[in-house]
Structure formats: C-alpha cells, structure tokens
Amino acid sequence: MVVEREIWTVEAPAGGWTSPWPQCMELAAAIPSEQWTLVGGLMVQLHATAAGLPVSRATTDVDMVLHIETEATTAPKMQQALGALGYEIEQSIDKDAPAQRFIRGKQQVDVMVADHTAPRNITKMAGREPFQIEGGTQALQRTVNVVITGDDGAETRLSIPNLHGSLVLKGAAYMTDSRDRGRHLDDAAVLCACIKDPYAIVEERHGSDRKRFKALFAALESPTHHGWMQLEESNRQAAQDVLRILATADKLPALPPIGRLGGPT
C-alpha cells in the first residue's frame, strides 16, 4: 500500500525567502521533489517558519538527500541534472573522499544519500561514492511535502523530513560530526520549539531514535545553553520540556487483547 505524504502549505517569513532560497526554488523547479529531500539549514528554517517562529538560522548552501532507495533517481542522474543547471562537482585530490559538493560560482549544493542504503543502489559521481548522511534513512522514511510561494507568486513543492525525522538527523549529526557540534545543538533547540506533541513522537520512536534524543538532551542539559537562549523567552521552557520527554519518556504499554464477553480472554 502506498502511503500518501502529508502536504503542508507554508507562508513566506517576514522579509521573504532570502538567499539561498531562490537557489533552492530553482532546483525544485528543475528536479522533482520525489527525487530528493531538503535537509540542513534550510530544513530548520522551513520548520521554524511553519511554526511561526523567527528565522535565525543562517545558511549559505542547499543540502539534499537523494531518494535512491525508491529508485526515483541515482547519483549520476542527479549529477547530470545539476550539470544542466550549471553546477560542477568539486574535485578532491583524495580519490577515496566521498563526492558531495557541487559549485556554481559562489553557490553550492551538497548532495548526499542515506545511511544504510543498499549497496546495489549506490552509484558513483565523478568516480567517487556519494557521501552517506547519518540518520538519513530514518529521515527519508518520515517526509512531508511542503508548498511555498515565492516572491513572484510561483509555488514551489519541496520534500522535507517531518519534525521527528529532522530531530533524528540533528541528533545523528551531533554524535558523528565534530566540526560544528554547536550548530547542530542550536538547530535541535529550534526544532524542539516547533514540536507541539512530543508524546506522539515518543510513540513513533524506533531504532536509534531514543539514543540520538538522549545525546541531544545531555548536551543541552543547561537551561542557559546557547541553543535555548537563542529562542524567544516564551518558547524556551516548552522546548526544553519537549526534549526531556523525547529522551526520557517511555512508550505506553500495549493494551492486552479484549476477549469476547463470556468467552476466553
């Protein structure tokens, strides 16, 4: 059975869709959303905008995870599509370094595939295997479609992980990417401020979700951590409570089967 993705409509934030959103919209117009999911800083910005929160997360690039698990695209096909838009893959002197970044002037796109992707589906770009993002499989299993309207009135359809999938990505990034752990924690705090029903996410946790939430909870233990302090004061306590629940609350026990009246139970 094919499950239809949830569809959100998100109005432009105050000040409109600033850079690199026009670049992202151009990509979405040329490459169908069934082929890729938006992650990274723009993912966080979009969730904040949808929740009515101020957008403070700065970013300069577009990050995408390819849907090669559904065979909607392949890494070489995406390289070709980006090439048609004028992007060139960034070369590396290390032939074993994963292929990831595409450049067009000062603009860049980071192309990734999910962790745990079946080896038969992983094909090379410019002779190198694509970068695999931790938590990507969980994120791609929890996507929603988002429709945004540009300054010119044109609608753009994007795929992003829902809040559960987005926070899993940030937990995985914090645990595995030592280059900018503070940024991942700041992003996680913003995502927690967007979550209205943490118990619904608790019931959907599986795999490494809880471990990743616990890692974020431990790192953001201080109520004066920058991640919390960047939020408006009215949102801080609720966001902290959300992360505590996600990391520590147990799922409700399954109810026993109900026996028929007068019959065996």
Protein backbone atom coordinates (compact mmCIF):
# COMPACT_ATOMS: atom_id res chain seq x y z
CA MET A 1 0.00 0.00 0.00
CA VAL A 2 1.34 3.42 -0.98
CA VAL A 3 1.06 5.97 1.82
CA GLU A 4 0.37 9.49 0.64
CA ARG A 5 2.72 12.09 2.05
CA GLU A 6 1.26 14.80 4.25
CA ILE A 7 1.18 18.18 2.49
CA TRP A 8 1.90 21.47 4.26
CA THR A 9 1.47 24.98 2.91
CA VAL A 10 3.91 27.49 4.41
CA GLU A 11 3.63 31.25 4.01
CA ALA A 12 6.77 33.30 3.46
CA PRO A 13 8.52 34.54 6.61
CA ALA A 14 8.85 38.22 7.43
CA GLY A 15 11.31 39.63 4.92
CA GLY A 16 10.51 36.97 2.32
CA TRP A 17 12.55 34.00 1.13
CA THR A 18 16.11 35.29 1.34
CA SER A 19 19.25 33.66 -0.07
CA PRO A 20 19.77 30.77 -0.66
CA TRP A 21 16.01 30.18 -1.02
CA PRO A 22 15.85 31.42 -4.64
CA GLN A 23 18.58 28.89 -5.45
CA CYS A 24 16.58 26.14 -3.71
CA MET A 25 13.42 27.11 -5.61
CA GLU A 26 15.31 26.94 -8.91
CA LEU A 27 16.49 23.43 -8.03
CA ALA A 28 12.97 22.37 -7.06
CA ALA A 29 11.55 23.69 -10.33
CA ALA A 30 14.05 21.64 -12.32
CA ILE A 31 14.27 18.47 -10.21
CA PRO A 32 11.03 16.87 -8.90
CA SER A 33 10.63 16.58 -5.13
CA GLU A 34 10.16 12.82 -5.46
CA GLN A 35 13.88 12.60 -6.23
CA TRP A 36 15.32 14.48 -3.23
CA THR A 37 14.58 15.75 0.26
CA LEU A 38 15.78 19.07 1.63
CA VAL A 39 17.84 18.88 4.83
CA GLY A 40 20.36 21.11 6.63
CA GLY A 41 19.88 24.76 7.48
CA LEU A 42 17.00 25.38 5.05
CA MET A 43 15.13 22.43 6.59
CA VAL A 44 15.43 24.06 10.01
CA GLN A 45 14.38 27.45 8.60
CA LEU A 46 11.31 25.92 6.97
CA HIS A 47 10.18 24.21 10.17
CA ALA A 48 10.66 27.45 12.11
CA THR A 49 8.66 29.38 9.52
CA ALA A 50 5.86 26.78 9.56
CA ALA A 51 5.69 27.05 13.36
CA GLY A 52 5.58 30.85 13.29
CA LEU A 53 8.99 31.23 14.94
CA PRO A 54 11.57 33.86 13.96
CA VAL A 55 14.11 32.53 11.47
CA SER A 56 17.58 33.00 12.94
CA ARG A 57 19.40 30.05 11.35
CA ALA A 58 21.83 31.37 8.75
CA THR A 59 22.99 29.15 5.89
CA THR A 60 24.65 29.64 2.54
CA ASP A 61 24.03 26.34 0.76
CA VAL A 62 21.34 23.85 -0.20
CA ASP A 63 21.60 20.34 1.26
CA MET A 64 19.77 17.45 -0.38
CA VAL A 65 19.41 13.72 0.29
CA LEU A 66 18.62 11.66 -2.80
CA HIS A 67 15.76 9.18 -2.89
CA ILE A 68 17.83 6.42 -4.42
CA GLU A 69 16.15 3.90 -2.10
CA THR A 70 12.95 4.27 -4.16
CA GLU A 71 14.94 4.32 -7.42
CA ALA A 72 13.42 7.74 -8.16
CA THR A 73 16.91 8.87 -9.13
CA THR A 74 20.57 7.89 -8.99
CA ALA A 75 23.68 9.82 -8.05
CA PRO A 76 24.87 10.06 -11.70
CA LYS A 77 21.42 11.27 -12.82
CA MET A 78 21.49 13.98 -10.17
CA GLN A 79 24.99 14.97 -11.26
CA GLN A 80 23.65 15.32 -14.80
CA ALA A 81 20.64 17.35 -13.65
CA LEU A 82 22.83 19.71 -11.64
CA GLY A 83 25.24 19.98 -14.55
CA ALA A 84 22.37 21.14 -16.76
CA LEU A 85 21.84 23.98 -14.26
CA GLY A 86 25.50 24.97 -14.42
CA TYR A 87 26.83 23.22 -11.31
CA GLU A 88 30.16 21.38 -11.35
CA ILE A 89 31.23 18.76 -8.85
CA GLU A 90 34.01 19.85 -6.51
CA GLN A 91 37.11 17.80 -7.18
CA SER A 92 39.26 16.19 -4.50
CA ILE A 93 42.88 15.11 -4.51
CA ASP A 94 41.77 12.16 -2.38
CA LYS A 95 40.18 9.62 -4.71
CA ASP A 96 38.59 7.91 -1.71
CA ALA A 97 36.91 11.08 -0.43
CA PRO A 98 33.14 10.94 -0.89
CA ALA A 99 31.58 13.09 -3.60
CA GLN A 100 29.27 15.69 -2.11
CA ARG A 101 29.63 19.32 -3.12
CA PHE A 102 28.57 20.98 -6.36
CA ILE A 103 29.62 24.55 -7.14
CA ARG A 104 28.17 27.26 -9.40
CA GLY A 105 30.07 30.48 -8.84
CA LYS A 106 29.56 31.29 -5.17
CA GLN A 107 26.56 28.97 -4.87
CA GLN A 108 26.86 25.42 -3.63
CA VAL A 109 24.71 22.32 -3.28
CA ASP A 110 25.63 19.39 -1.06
CA VAL A 111 24.32 16.07 -2.39
CA MET A 112 24.05 13.08 -0.06
CA VAL A 113 22.48 9.65 0.20
CA ALA A 114 21.06 7.99 3.29
CA ASP A 115 22.99 5.72 5.61
CA HIS A 116 22.08 2.02 5.34
CA THR A 117 21.34 2.41 1.63
CA ALA A 118 21.52 -0.93 -0.17
CA PRO A 119 24.95 -1.18 -1.83
CA ARG A 120 23.35 -2.07 -5.17
CA ASN A 121 21.68 1.36 -5.21
CA ILE A 122 24.86 3.35 -4.55
CA THR A 123 26.44 4.56 -7.78
CA LYS A 124 29.39 6.91 -8.16
CA MET A 125 29.66 10.56 -9.12
CA ALA A 126 32.88 11.54 -10.89
CA GLY A 127 34.36 8.18 -9.89
CA ARG A 128 33.66 8.62 -6.17
CA GLU A 129 30.91 7.26 -3.98
CA PRO A 130 28.41 9.81 -2.62
CA PHE A 131 28.52 10.99 0.98
CA GLN A 132 26.22 8.99 3.28
CA ILE A 133 24.43 11.05 5.93
CA GLU A 134 23.86 9.50 9.36
CA GLY A 135 20.18 9.34 10.25
CA GLY A 136 19.25 9.76 6.60
CA THR A 137 17.30 6.52 6.35
CA GLN A 138 15.09 7.45 9.29
CA ALA A 139 14.60 10.94 7.87
CA LEU A 140 13.58 9.73 4.41
CA GLN A 141 11.00 7.44 6.00
CA ARG A 142 9.38 10.47 7.64
CA THR A 143 8.98 13.07 4.92
CA VAL A 144 6.24 15.58 4.17
CA ASN A 145 5.61 17.69 1.10
CA VAL A 146 5.73 21.44 1.61
CA VAL A 147 4.34 24.04 -0.78
CA ILE A 148 5.83 27.53 -0.52
CA THR A 149 5.08 30.62 -2.60
CA GLY A 150 7.94 32.69 -3.95
CA ASP A 151 8.09 36.47 -4.17
CA ASP A 152 6.94 36.17 -7.80
CA GLY A 153 3.84 34.20 -6.78
CA ALA A 154 5.10 30.90 -8.17
CA GLU A 155 4.53 27.85 -5.99
CA THR A 156 7.42 25.52 -5.14
CA ARG A 157 6.92 21.97 -3.90
CA LEU A 158 9.60 20.54 -1.61
CA SER A 159 10.12 17.37 0.38
CA ILE A 160 11.49 17.71 3.92
CA PRO A 161 11.71 15.35 6.90
CA ASN A 162 8.95 15.94 9.43
CA LEU A 163 9.93 17.22 12.87
CA HIS A 164 10.64 13.71 14.14
CA GLY A 165 12.91 12.92 11.20
CA SER A 166 14.58 16.32 11.35
CA LEU A 167 15.46 15.98 15.03
CA VAL A 168 16.81 12.47 14.43
CA LEU A 169 19.08 13.94 11.75
CA LYS A 170 20.34 16.58 14.14
CA GLY A 171 20.97 14.03 16.88
CA ALA A 172 22.92 11.87 14.45
CA ALA A 173 24.88 14.87 13.17
CA TYR A 174 25.77 15.95 16.71
CA MET A 175 27.05 12.45 17.50
CA THR A 176 29.09 11.96 14.33
CA ASP A 177 30.10 15.40 13.00
CA SER A 178 32.68 17.00 15.29
CA ARG A 179 33.27 20.01 13.03
CA ASP A 180 30.37 22.15 14.25
CA ARG A 181 28.53 20.42 17.06
CA GLY A 182 27.30 23.72 18.46
CA ARG A 183 25.38 24.43 15.26
CA HIS A 184 23.66 21.05 15.44
CA LEU A 185 22.62 21.74 19.04
CA ASP A 186 21.28 25.17 18.10
CA ASP A 187 19.27 23.58 15.29
CA ALA A 188 17.94 20.88 17.63
CA ALA A 189 16.72 23.52 20.09
CA VAL A 190 14.83 25.33 17.32
CA LEU A 191 13.23 22.08 16.17
CA CYS A 192 12.16 21.29 19.75
CA ALA A 193 10.46 24.69 19.90
CA CYS A 194 8.44 23.68 16.81
CA ILE A 195 7.13 20.42 18.30
CA LYS A 196 3.67 20.66 19.85
CA ASP A 197 3.02 17.00 20.73
CA PRO A 198 6.20 15.23 21.85
CA TYR A 199 4.28 12.19 23.09
CA ALA A 200 3.18 11.42 19.52
CA ILE A 201 6.86 11.25 18.57
CA VAL A 202 7.62 9.07 21.62
CA GLU A 203 5.12 6.52 20.34
CA GLU A 204 6.79 6.53 16.90
CA ARG A 205 10.38 6.17 18.14
CA HIS A 206 12.32 3.18 16.87
CA GLY A 207 15.84 2.12 16.04
CA SER A 208 18.41 4.63 17.25
CA ASP A 209 15.93 7.49 17.75
CA ARG A 210 16.00 7.49 21.54
CA LYS A 211 19.79 7.23 21.69
CA ARG A 212 20.07 10.30 19.48
CA PHE A 213 17.49 12.22 21.50
CA LYS A 214 19.34 11.32 24.70
CA ALA A 215 22.61 12.62 23.27
CA LEU A 216 20.95 15.95 22.49
CA PHE A 217 19.30 16.06 25.91
CA ALA A 218 22.62 15.51 27.69
CA ALA A 219 24.38 18.16 25.60
CA LEU A 220 21.56 20.69 26.09
CA GLU A 221 21.14 19.98 29.80
CA SER A 222 21.91 23.54 30.88
CA PRO A 223 18.88 25.84 30.55
CA THR A 224 21.30 28.64 29.66
CA HIS A 225 22.90 26.77 26.74
CA HIS A 226 23.14 28.98 23.64
CA GLY A 227 20.70 26.70 21.85
CA TRP A 228 17.95 27.60 24.33
CA MET A 229 18.98 31.22 24.79
CA GLN A 230 18.63 31.91 21.05
CA LEU A 231 14.90 31.20 21.38
CA GLU A 232 12.39 33.78 22.49
CA GLU A 233 11.97 33.56 26.25
CA SER A 234 8.33 32.50 25.91
CA ASN A 235 9.37 29.38 23.95
CA ARG A 236 12.37 28.18 25.96
CA GLN A 237 10.77 26.16 28.74
CA ALA A 238 8.34 24.37 26.42
CA ALA A 239 11.18 23.46 24.05
CA GLN A 240 13.27 22.12 26.94
CA ASP A 241 10.31 20.05 28.14
CA VAL A 242 9.86 18.61 24.65
CA LEU A 243 13.44 17.34 24.50
CA ARG A 244 13.23 15.92 28.03
CA ILE A 245 10.09 13.98 27.10
CA LEU A 246 11.57 12.67 23.84
CA ALA A 247 14.71 11.47 25.62
CA THR A 248 13.23 10.05 28.83
CA ALA A 249 9.56 9.15 28.38
CA ASP A 250 8.66 5.51 27.78
CA LYS A 251 6.11 4.38 25.25
CA LEU A 252 2.69 3.48 26.58
CA PRO A 253 2.39 -0.28 27.16
CA ALA A 254 0.41 -2.16 24.57
CA LEU A 255 -3.12 -2.95 25.71
CA PRO A 256 -3.98 -6.65 26.08
CA PRO A 257 -6.43 -8.08 23.56
CA ILE A 258 -10.07 -7.69 24.54
CA GLY A 259 -11.81 -11.04 24.93
CA ARG A 260 -15.39 -11.57 23.86
CA LEU A 261 -18.00 -11.30 26.57
CA GLY A 262 -18.43 -14.70 28.17
CA GLY A 263 -15.60 -16.23 26.19
CA PRO A 264 -11.94 -16.93 26.95
CA THR A 265 -9.66 -13.94 27.46
